[in-house]
Amino acid sequence: MNNSTEYLAQQYQLVLGSRNVVMEYCHKLDEKLFVKLSSFNDKSISDLLVHITHVYTLWLGQFALKREVTFADPDKINSLEMLQQLYENVNKLVGEFLKHAEQTSGKEISGEAGSPPQRIIRSPFEIFTHVITHEFHHKGQILIMGRQLGLAPPDTDIIRF
């Protein structure tokens, strides 16, 4: 790997450490993962976890790698094991994205995105930063939802104490 993709790979390892804490927390929530909360537009923690995977799939798979992609139906995800499989798929996709970024020497990626669709051009660094900051945004919401469901959240920051 070149320096920039190595940096992104190291950064993703930090994301995985934080994500693992969230997933352990989700184990404690058990069936509460699927409780729809009116304070979150009748979405559940599971719904948000699936949404996070959709954003990785959209930006890394469809936009950057130009693949036909399918998205999991949040209503058909009914176990933590199914959620974990979605994240295993995300991990593979991240690896493929980083390999592609290395092979193309970090060349900017162009395509259509948004609604209505607009032509955009972004670097692999920008795309990768977008998907991981998006995950962290929703991670905070997941922890708030868990607190509303009665379970105090753990420290999920990159630097944990």
N, C-alpha and C. Protein backbone atom coordinates (compact mmCIF):
# COMPACT_ATOMS: atom_id res chain seq x y z
N MET A 1 0.84 -1.20 0.00
CA MET A 1 0.00 0.00 0.00
C MET A 1 0.88 1.24 0.00
N ASN A 2 0.39 2.27 -0.68
CA ASN A 2 1.11 3.53 -0.62
C ASN A 2 0.76 4.25 0.68
N ASN A 3 1.43 5.34 0.95
CA ASN A 3 1.25 6.03 2.23
C ASN A 3 -0.17 6.46 2.50
N SER A 4 -0.85 6.99 1.48
CA SER A 4 -2.21 7.49 1.73
C SER A 4 -3.19 6.35 2.00
N THR A 5 -3.10 5.27 1.24
CA THR A 5 -4.02 4.16 1.50
C THR A 5 -3.66 3.44 2.79
N GLU A 6 -2.38 3.39 3.13
CA GLU A 6 -1.97 2.80 4.41
C GLU A 6 -2.56 3.62 5.57
N TYR A 7 -2.55 4.92 5.41
CA TYR A 7 -3.12 5.80 6.43
C TYR A 7 -4.62 5.51 6.59
N LEU A 8 -5.33 5.37 5.47
CA LEU A 8 -6.76 5.08 5.54
C LEU A 8 -7.01 3.70 6.15
N ALA A 9 -6.17 2.73 5.84
CA ALA A 9 -6.32 1.39 6.42
C ALA A 9 -6.10 1.44 7.94
N GLN A 10 -5.13 2.20 8.37
CA GLN A 10 -4.90 2.35 9.82
C GLN A 10 -6.08 3.07 10.47
N GLN A 11 -6.59 4.06 9.81
CA GLN A 11 -7.74 4.79 10.33
C GLN A 11 -8.94 3.86 10.46
N TYR A 12 -9.14 2.99 9.48
CA TYR A 12 -10.27 2.08 9.54
C TYR A 12 -10.12 1.09 10.70
N GLN A 13 -8.91 0.73 11.05
CA GLN A 13 -8.71 -0.13 12.21
C GLN A 13 -9.21 0.55 13.48
N LEU A 14 -9.03 1.86 13.57
CA LEU A 14 -9.56 2.61 14.71
C LEU A 14 -11.09 2.61 14.69
N VAL A 15 -11.66 2.77 13.52
CA VAL A 15 -13.11 2.71 13.36
C VAL A 15 -13.62 1.34 13.84
N LEU A 16 -12.93 0.28 13.43
CA LEU A 16 -13.34 -1.07 13.82
C LEU A 16 -13.30 -1.27 15.34
N GLY A 17 -12.29 -0.69 15.98
CA GLY A 17 -12.22 -0.79 17.44
C GLY A 17 -13.43 -0.16 18.10
N SER A 18 -13.80 1.01 17.63
CA SER A 18 -14.98 1.69 18.16
C SER A 18 -16.25 0.92 17.81
N ARG A 19 -16.33 0.43 16.58
CA ARG A 19 -17.52 -0.32 16.16
C ARG A 19 -17.69 -1.59 16.99
N ASN A 20 -16.60 -2.25 17.32
CA ASN A 20 -16.68 -3.46 18.14
C ASN A 20 -17.29 -3.17 19.51
N VAL A 21 -16.97 -2.01 20.08
CA VAL A 21 -17.57 -1.63 21.36
C VAL A 21 -19.08 -1.44 21.19
N VAL A 22 -19.48 -0.80 20.10
CA VAL A 22 -20.90 -0.60 19.81
C VAL A 22 -21.60 -1.95 19.66
N MET A 23 -20.98 -2.87 18.95
CA MET A 23 -21.61 -4.18 18.74
C MET A 23 -21.73 -4.96 20.06
N GLU A 24 -20.74 -4.85 20.92
CA GLU A 24 -20.85 -5.49 22.24
C GLU A 24 -22.01 -4.89 23.03
N TYR A 25 -22.16 -3.59 22.93
CA TYR A 25 -23.27 -2.88 23.56
C TYR A 25 -24.60 -3.41 22.99
N CYS A 26 -24.64 -3.62 21.69
CA CYS A 26 -25.85 -4.13 21.05
C CYS A 26 -26.20 -5.52 21.55
N HIS A 27 -25.20 -6.33 21.86
CA HIS A 27 -25.46 -7.65 22.44
C HIS A 27 -26.24 -7.51 23.74
N LYS A 28 -25.90 -6.51 24.53
CA LYS A 28 -26.58 -6.29 25.81
C LYS A 28 -28.01 -5.80 25.61
N LEU A 29 -28.24 -5.11 24.50
CA LEU A 29 -29.58 -4.61 24.22
C LEU A 29 -30.53 -5.71 23.77
N ASP A 30 -29.97 -6.76 23.17
CA ASP A 30 -30.73 -7.92 22.74
C ASP A 30 -31.93 -7.49 21.88
N GLU A 31 -33.14 -7.86 22.25
CA GLU A 31 -34.32 -7.57 21.43
C GLU A 31 -34.66 -6.08 21.38
N LYS A 32 -34.11 -5.28 22.28
CA LYS A 32 -34.36 -3.84 22.24
C LYS A 32 -33.75 -3.20 21.00
N LEU A 33 -32.86 -3.93 20.32
CA LEU A 33 -32.28 -3.44 19.06
C LEU A 33 -33.35 -3.12 18.03
N PHE A 34 -34.48 -3.77 18.13
CA PHE A 34 -35.51 -3.68 17.10
C PHE A 34 -36.72 -2.85 17.52
N VAL A 35 -36.62 -2.21 18.68
CA VAL A 35 -37.70 -1.37 19.18
C VAL A 35 -37.68 -0.04 18.44
N LYS A 36 -38.80 0.30 17.83
CA LYS A 36 -38.94 1.58 17.11
C LYS A 36 -39.19 2.68 18.13
N LEU A 37 -38.42 3.75 18.02
CA LEU A 37 -38.54 4.87 18.97
C LEU A 37 -39.16 6.08 18.27
N SER A 38 -40.22 6.59 18.84
CA SER A 38 -40.88 7.76 18.25
C SER A 38 -39.94 8.96 18.23
N SER A 39 -39.03 9.04 19.20
CA SER A 39 -38.09 10.16 19.25
C SER A 39 -37.05 10.11 18.13
N PHE A 40 -37.01 9.01 17.40
CA PHE A 40 -36.10 8.85 16.26
C PHE A 40 -36.88 8.45 15.01
N ASN A 41 -37.99 9.15 14.80
CA ASN A 41 -38.81 8.95 13.59
C ASN A 41 -39.22 7.49 13.40
N ASP A 42 -39.56 6.85 14.51
CA ASP A 42 -39.99 5.44 14.49
C ASP A 42 -38.94 4.52 13.86
N LYS A 43 -37.68 4.83 14.12
CA LYS A 43 -36.58 3.97 13.68
C LYS A 43 -36.01 3.25 14.91
N SER A 44 -35.41 2.11 14.65
CA SER A 44 -34.76 1.33 15.71
C SER A 44 -33.25 1.43 15.57
N ILE A 45 -32.56 0.94 16.58
CA ILE A 45 -31.10 0.87 16.50
C ILE A 45 -30.71 0.01 15.31
N SER A 46 -31.40 -1.08 15.12
CA SER A 46 -31.12 -1.94 13.97
C SER A 46 -31.27 -1.17 12.66
N ASP A 47 -32.30 -0.36 12.55
CA ASP A 47 -32.51 0.43 11.34
C ASP A 47 -31.30 1.34 11.07
N LEU A 48 -30.79 1.98 12.12
CA LEU A 48 -29.64 2.87 11.95
C LEU A 48 -28.40 2.09 11.57
N LEU A 49 -28.22 0.92 12.19
CA LEU A 49 -27.06 0.10 11.84
C LEU A 49 -27.11 -0.32 10.37
N VAL A 50 -28.29 -0.67 9.89
CA VAL A 50 -28.44 -1.03 8.48
C VAL A 50 -28.18 0.19 7.60
N HIS A 51 -28.70 1.33 7.99
CA HIS A 51 -28.49 2.56 7.23
C HIS A 51 -27.00 2.86 7.07
N ILE A 52 -26.24 2.68 8.11
CA ILE A 52 -24.79 2.92 8.05
C ILE A 52 -24.18 2.04 6.96
N THR A 53 -24.57 0.76 6.92
CA THR A 53 -24.02 -0.13 5.89
C THR A 53 -24.44 0.32 4.49
N HIS A 54 -25.64 0.87 4.38
CA HIS A 54 -26.11 1.36 3.08
C HIS A 54 -25.20 2.48 2.56
N VAL A 55 -24.79 3.36 3.46
CA VAL A 55 -23.95 4.49 3.04
C VAL A 55 -22.58 4.00 2.59
N TYR A 56 -21.99 3.05 3.30
CA TYR A 56 -20.73 2.45 2.83
C TYR A 56 -20.94 1.82 1.45
N THR A 57 -22.01 1.07 1.29
CA THR A 57 -22.28 0.37 0.03
C THR A 57 -22.49 1.36 -1.11
N LEU A 58 -23.24 2.41 -0.84
CA LEU A 58 -23.51 3.41 -1.86
C LEU A 58 -22.23 4.10 -2.31
N TRP A 59 -21.48 4.66 -1.36
CA TRP A 59 -20.33 5.48 -1.71
C TRP A 59 -19.11 4.68 -2.14
N LEU A 60 -18.83 3.58 -1.45
CA LEU A 60 -17.64 2.80 -1.82
C LEU A 60 -17.94 1.85 -2.97
N GLY A 61 -19.07 1.14 -2.89
CA GLY A 61 -19.39 0.15 -3.91
C GLY A 61 -19.93 0.76 -5.19
N GLN A 62 -21.02 1.50 -5.06
CA GLN A 62 -21.68 2.04 -6.26
C GLN A 62 -20.93 3.22 -6.84
N PHE A 63 -20.65 4.23 -6.02
CA PHE A 63 -20.05 5.45 -6.56
C PHE A 63 -18.58 5.25 -6.94
N ALA A 64 -17.78 4.75 -6.00
CA ALA A 64 -16.34 4.66 -6.24
C ALA A 64 -15.95 3.48 -7.12
N LEU A 65 -16.49 2.30 -6.83
CA LEU A 65 -16.10 1.09 -7.56
C LEU A 65 -16.99 0.81 -8.77
N LYS A 66 -18.04 1.62 -8.94
CA LYS A 66 -18.94 1.52 -10.10
C LYS A 66 -19.60 0.15 -10.21
N ARG A 67 -20.04 -0.38 -9.08
CA ARG A 67 -20.69 -1.68 -9.06
C ARG A 67 -22.20 -1.54 -8.94
N GLU A 68 -22.88 -2.52 -9.46
CA GLU A 68 -24.30 -2.66 -9.17
C GLU A 68 -24.37 -3.18 -7.74
N VAL A 69 -25.18 -2.55 -6.93
CA VAL A 69 -25.25 -2.94 -5.52
C VAL A 69 -26.69 -3.22 -5.13
N THR A 70 -26.83 -3.98 -4.07
CA THR A 70 -28.14 -4.20 -3.47
C THR A 70 -28.04 -3.77 -2.02
N PHE A 71 -29.15 -3.34 -1.51
CA PHE A 71 -29.21 -2.86 -0.13
C PHE A 71 -30.10 -3.77 0.69
N ALA A 72 -29.67 -4.06 1.89
CA ALA A 72 -30.46 -4.90 2.79
C ALA A 72 -31.75 -4.18 3.16
N ASP A 73 -32.82 -4.92 3.25
CA ASP A 73 -34.09 -4.39 3.70
C ASP A 73 -34.08 -4.37 5.23
N PRO A 74 -34.10 -3.19 5.84
CA PRO A 74 -34.03 -3.12 7.31
C PRO A 74 -35.11 -3.94 8.00
N ASP A 75 -36.28 -4.06 7.37
CA ASP A 75 -37.38 -4.80 7.98
C ASP A 75 -37.15 -6.31 7.98
N LYS A 76 -36.18 -6.77 7.19
CA LYS A 76 -35.89 -8.21 7.14
C LYS A 76 -34.68 -8.59 7.99
N ILE A 77 -34.06 -7.60 8.62
CA ILE A 77 -32.93 -7.86 9.51
C ILE A 77 -33.52 -8.06 10.91
N ASN A 78 -33.39 -9.29 11.43
CA ASN A 78 -34.05 -9.58 12.71
C ASN A 78 -33.13 -10.22 13.75
N SER A 79 -31.82 -10.09 13.54
CA SER A 79 -30.89 -10.62 14.54
C SER A 79 -29.57 -9.86 14.49
N LEU A 80 -28.88 -9.88 15.60
CA LEU A 80 -27.57 -9.24 15.65
C LEU A 80 -26.61 -9.95 14.70
N GLU A 81 -26.78 -11.25 14.52
CA GLU A 81 -25.92 -12.00 13.60
C GLU A 81 -26.09 -11.49 12.17
N MET A 82 -27.32 -11.18 11.79
CA MET A 82 -27.55 -10.64 10.45
C MET A 82 -26.90 -9.26 10.30
N LEU A 83 -26.98 -8.46 11.35
CA LEU A 83 -26.32 -7.15 11.32
C LEU A 83 -24.81 -7.31 11.20
N GLN A 84 -24.26 -8.25 11.95
CA GLN A 84 -22.82 -8.46 11.90
C GLN A 84 -22.39 -8.93 10.52
N GLN A 85 -23.20 -9.71 9.84
CA GLN A 85 -22.87 -10.13 8.48
C GLN A 85 -22.83 -8.94 7.54
N LEU A 86 -23.76 -8.00 7.71
CA LEU A 86 -23.73 -6.79 6.89
C LEU A 86 -22.42 -6.04 7.08
N TYR A 87 -21.95 -5.99 8.33
CA TYR A 87 -20.70 -5.29 8.61
C TYR A 87 -19.48 -6.07 8.12
N GLU A 88 -19.56 -7.38 8.08
CA GLU A 88 -18.47 -8.15 7.46
C GLU A 88 -18.39 -7.82 5.98
N ASN A 89 -19.54 -7.66 5.34
CA ASN A 89 -19.57 -7.26 3.94
C ASN A 89 -18.98 -5.86 3.75
N VAL A 90 -19.28 -4.96 4.69
CA VAL A 90 -18.71 -3.61 4.64
C VAL A 90 -17.19 -3.69 4.75
N ASN A 91 -16.70 -4.52 5.66
CA ASN A 91 -15.25 -4.64 5.84
C ASN A 91 -14.58 -5.11 4.55
N LYS A 92 -15.19 -6.05 3.87
CA LYS A 92 -14.65 -6.52 2.59
C LYS A 92 -14.67 -5.40 1.56
N LEU A 93 -15.76 -4.66 1.54
CA LEU A 93 -15.89 -3.54 0.60
C LEU A 93 -14.84 -2.48 0.87
N VAL A 94 -14.59 -2.18 2.12
CA VAL A 94 -13.54 -1.20 2.47
C VAL A 94 -12.20 -1.68 1.94
N GLY A 95 -11.90 -2.97 2.13
CA GLY A 95 -10.64 -3.51 1.61
C GLY A 95 -10.53 -3.37 0.11
N GLU A 96 -11.61 -3.65 -0.60
CA GLU A 96 -11.61 -3.52 -2.06
C GLU A 96 -11.46 -2.06 -2.48
N PHE A 97 -12.11 -1.17 -1.76
CA PHE A 97 -12.01 0.26 -2.05
C PHE A 97 -10.57 0.73 -1.86
N LEU A 98 -9.95 0.33 -0.76
CA LEU A 98 -8.57 0.77 -0.49
C LEU A 98 -7.61 0.22 -1.55
N LYS A 99 -7.83 -1.02 -1.96
CA LYS A 99 -7.00 -1.60 -3.01
C LYS A 99 -7.17 -0.83 -4.32
N HIS A 100 -8.42 -0.50 -4.64
CA HIS A 100 -8.70 0.28 -5.85
C HIS A 100 -8.04 1.65 -5.77
N ALA A 101 -8.15 2.30 -4.63
CA ALA A 101 -7.54 3.62 -4.46
C ALA A 101 -6.03 3.55 -4.64
N GLU A 102 -5.44 2.48 -4.14
CA GLU A 102 -3.99 2.31 -4.31
C GLU A 102 -3.64 2.08 -5.78
N GLN A 103 -4.39 1.22 -6.43
CA GLN A 103 -4.10 0.88 -7.83
C GLN A 103 -4.28 2.07 -8.77
N THR A 104 -5.15 2.99 -8.39
CA THR A 104 -5.39 4.18 -9.23
C THR A 104 -4.62 5.40 -8.72
N SER A 105 -3.70 5.14 -7.79
CA SER A 105 -2.86 6.21 -7.21
C SER A 105 -3.68 7.34 -6.63
N GLY A 106 -4.82 7.01 -6.03
CA GLY A 106 -5.63 8.02 -5.37
C GLY A 106 -6.32 8.99 -6.32
N LYS A 107 -6.43 8.60 -7.59
CA LYS A 107 -7.07 9.46 -8.60
C LYS A 107 -8.49 9.79 -8.17
N GLU A 108 -8.91 11.02 -8.45
CA GLU A 108 -10.26 11.44 -8.11
C GLU A 108 -11.29 10.57 -8.80
N ILE A 109 -12.44 10.44 -8.15
CA ILE A 109 -13.52 9.60 -8.62
C ILE A 109 -14.69 10.50 -8.98
N SER A 110 -15.26 10.28 -10.16
CA SER A 110 -16.39 11.11 -10.57
C SER A 110 -17.61 10.23 -10.81
N GLY A 111 -18.76 10.84 -10.64
CA GLY A 111 -20.00 10.12 -10.87
C GLY A 111 -21.19 10.98 -10.48
N GLU A 112 -22.34 10.36 -10.53
CA GLU A 112 -23.59 11.02 -10.18
C GLU A 112 -23.96 10.65 -8.74
N ALA A 113 -24.42 11.63 -8.00
CA ALA A 113 -24.88 11.39 -6.63
C ALA A 113 -25.88 12.47 -6.25
N GLY A 114 -26.68 12.15 -5.26
CA GLY A 114 -27.63 13.12 -4.74
C GLY A 114 -28.99 12.99 -5.39
N SER A 115 -29.90 13.82 -4.89
CA SER A 115 -31.25 13.84 -5.41
C SER A 115 -31.70 15.30 -5.50
N PRO A 116 -31.85 15.82 -6.67
CA PRO A 116 -31.65 15.16 -7.96
C PRO A 116 -30.16 14.88 -8.20
N PRO A 117 -29.86 13.90 -9.04
CA PRO A 117 -28.46 13.55 -9.27
C PRO A 117 -27.64 14.72 -9.80
N GLN A 118 -26.45 14.85 -9.25
CA GLN A 118 -25.51 15.87 -9.70
C GLN A 118 -24.17 15.19 -9.95
N ARG A 119 -23.44 15.69 -10.89
CA ARG A 119 -22.10 15.16 -11.15
C ARG A 119 -21.16 15.72 -10.09
N ILE A 120 -20.44 14.82 -9.44
CA ILE A 120 -19.47 15.25 -8.44
C ILE A 120 -18.15 14.53 -8.67
N ILE A 121 -17.09 15.15 -8.21
CA ILE A 121 -15.75 14.58 -8.29
C ILE A 121 -15.14 14.69 -6.89
N ARG A 122 -14.70 13.54 -6.37
CA ARG A 122 -14.13 13.51 -5.03
C ARG A 122 -12.92 12.59 -5.01
N SER A 123 -12.02 12.85 -4.10
CA SER A 123 -10.86 11.99 -3.90
C SER A 123 -11.26 10.79 -3.05
N PRO A 124 -10.51 9.70 -3.15
CA PRO A 124 -10.79 8.57 -2.26
C PRO A 124 -10.75 8.98 -0.78
N PHE A 125 -9.87 9.89 -0.45
CA PHE A 125 -9.78 10.37 0.93
C PHE A 125 -11.09 11.04 1.37
N GLU A 126 -11.66 11.87 0.50
CA GLU A 126 -12.92 12.53 0.83
C GLU A 126 -14.06 11.53 0.97
N ILE A 127 -14.12 10.57 0.07
CA ILE A 127 -15.19 9.58 0.12
C ILE A 127 -15.06 8.74 1.38
N PHE A 128 -13.86 8.31 1.68
CA PHE A 128 -13.63 7.49 2.87
C PHE A 128 -13.95 8.27 4.14
N THR A 129 -13.52 9.52 4.19
CA THR A 129 -13.81 10.36 5.36
C THR A 129 -15.32 10.52 5.52
N HIS A 130 -16.02 10.67 4.41
CA HIS A 130 -17.47 10.82 4.48
C HIS A 130 -18.12 9.60 5.13
N VAL A 131 -17.76 8.40 4.69
CA VAL A 131 -18.45 7.21 5.21
C VAL A 131 -18.12 6.96 6.67
N ILE A 132 -16.89 7.24 7.09
CA ILE A 132 -16.58 6.97 8.50
C ILE A 132 -17.15 8.03 9.42
N THR A 133 -17.17 9.29 8.99
CA THR A 133 -17.78 10.30 9.85
C THR A 133 -19.29 10.10 9.91
N HIS A 134 -19.88 9.63 8.83
CA HIS A 134 -21.30 9.31 8.83
C HIS A 134 -21.59 8.21 9.86
N GLU A 135 -20.73 7.18 9.88
CA GLU A 135 -20.91 6.11 10.86
C GLU A 135 -20.84 6.66 12.28
N PHE A 136 -19.89 7.54 12.55
CA PHE A 136 -19.74 8.07 13.90
C PHE A 136 -20.91 8.97 14.29
N HIS A 137 -21.45 9.69 13.34
CA HIS A 137 -22.64 10.50 13.60
C HIS A 137 -23.78 9.60 14.10
N HIS A 138 -24.03 8.53 13.38
CA HIS A 138 -25.12 7.64 13.76
C HIS A 138 -24.77 6.81 15.00
N LYS A 139 -23.50 6.57 15.23
CA LYS A 139 -23.10 5.85 16.44
C LYS A 139 -23.57 6.64 17.67
N GLY A 140 -23.41 7.95 17.63
CA GLY A 140 -23.89 8.78 18.73
C GLY A 140 -25.39 8.65 18.92
N GLN A 141 -26.12 8.62 17.82
CA GLN A 141 -27.57 8.45 17.91
C GLN A 141 -27.93 7.08 18.50
N ILE A 142 -27.19 6.06 18.09
CA ILE A 142 -27.43 4.70 18.61
C ILE A 142 -27.26 4.67 20.12
N LEU A 143 -26.25 5.34 20.61
CA LEU A 143 -26.01 5.36 22.06
C LEU A 143 -27.11 6.11 22.79
N ILE A 144 -27.60 7.18 22.21
CA ILE A 144 -28.73 7.91 22.81
C ILE A 144 -29.97 7.02 22.83
N MET A 145 -30.20 6.31 21.73
CA MET A 145 -31.36 5.42 21.66
C MET A 145 -31.24 4.32 22.72
N GLY A 146 -30.04 3.77 22.88
CA GLY A 146 -29.84 2.74 23.90
C GLY A 146 -30.11 3.27 25.29
N ARG A 147 -29.69 4.49 25.55
CA ARG A 147 -29.98 5.11 26.86
C ARG A 147 -31.49 5.25 27.05
N GLN A 148 -32.20 5.65 26.00
CA GLN A 148 -33.65 5.76 26.08
C GLN A 148 -34.31 4.41 26.35
N LEU A 149 -33.64 3.35 25.91
CA LEU A 149 -34.16 2.00 26.12
C LEU A 149 -33.69 1.40 27.45
N GLY A 150 -32.95 2.19 28.23
CA GLY A 150 -32.60 1.78 29.59
C GLY A 150 -31.21 1.23 29.81
N LEU A 151 -30.32 1.33 28.83
CA LEU A 151 -28.97 0.80 29.02
C LEU A 151 -27.95 1.91 28.82
N ALA A 152 -27.18 2.21 29.87
CA ALA A 152 -26.16 3.26 29.79
C ALA A 152 -25.13 2.90 28.73
N PRO A 153 -24.73 3.87 27.92
CA PRO A 153 -23.79 3.58 26.83
C PRO A 153 -22.35 3.49 27.32
N PRO A 154 -21.55 2.69 26.62
CA PRO A 154 -20.12 2.61 26.92
C PRO A 154 -19.37 3.76 26.24
N ASP A 155 -18.10 3.91 26.56
CA ASP A 155 -17.23 4.86 25.88
C ASP A 155 -16.84 4.23 24.54
N THR A 156 -17.26 4.84 23.46
CA THR A 156 -17.00 4.28 22.13
C THR A 156 -16.07 5.16 21.32
N ASP A 157 -15.45 6.14 21.96
CA ASP A 157 -14.54 7.01 21.23
C ASP A 157 -13.33 6.22 20.73
N ILE A 158 -12.59 6.82 19.82
CA ILE A 158 -11.37 6.19 19.32
C ILE A 158 -10.38 6.03 20.47
N ILE A 159 -10.25 7.06 21.28
CA ILE A 159 -9.39 6.99 22.47
C ILE A 159 -10.33 6.76 23.65
N ARG A 160 -10.30 5.53 24.16
CA ARG A 160 -11.22 5.14 25.24
C ARG A 160 -10.44 5.03 26.55
N PHE A 161 -11.17 5.28 27.63
CA PHE A 161 -10.57 5.16 28.97
C PHE A 161 -11.25 4.09 29.76
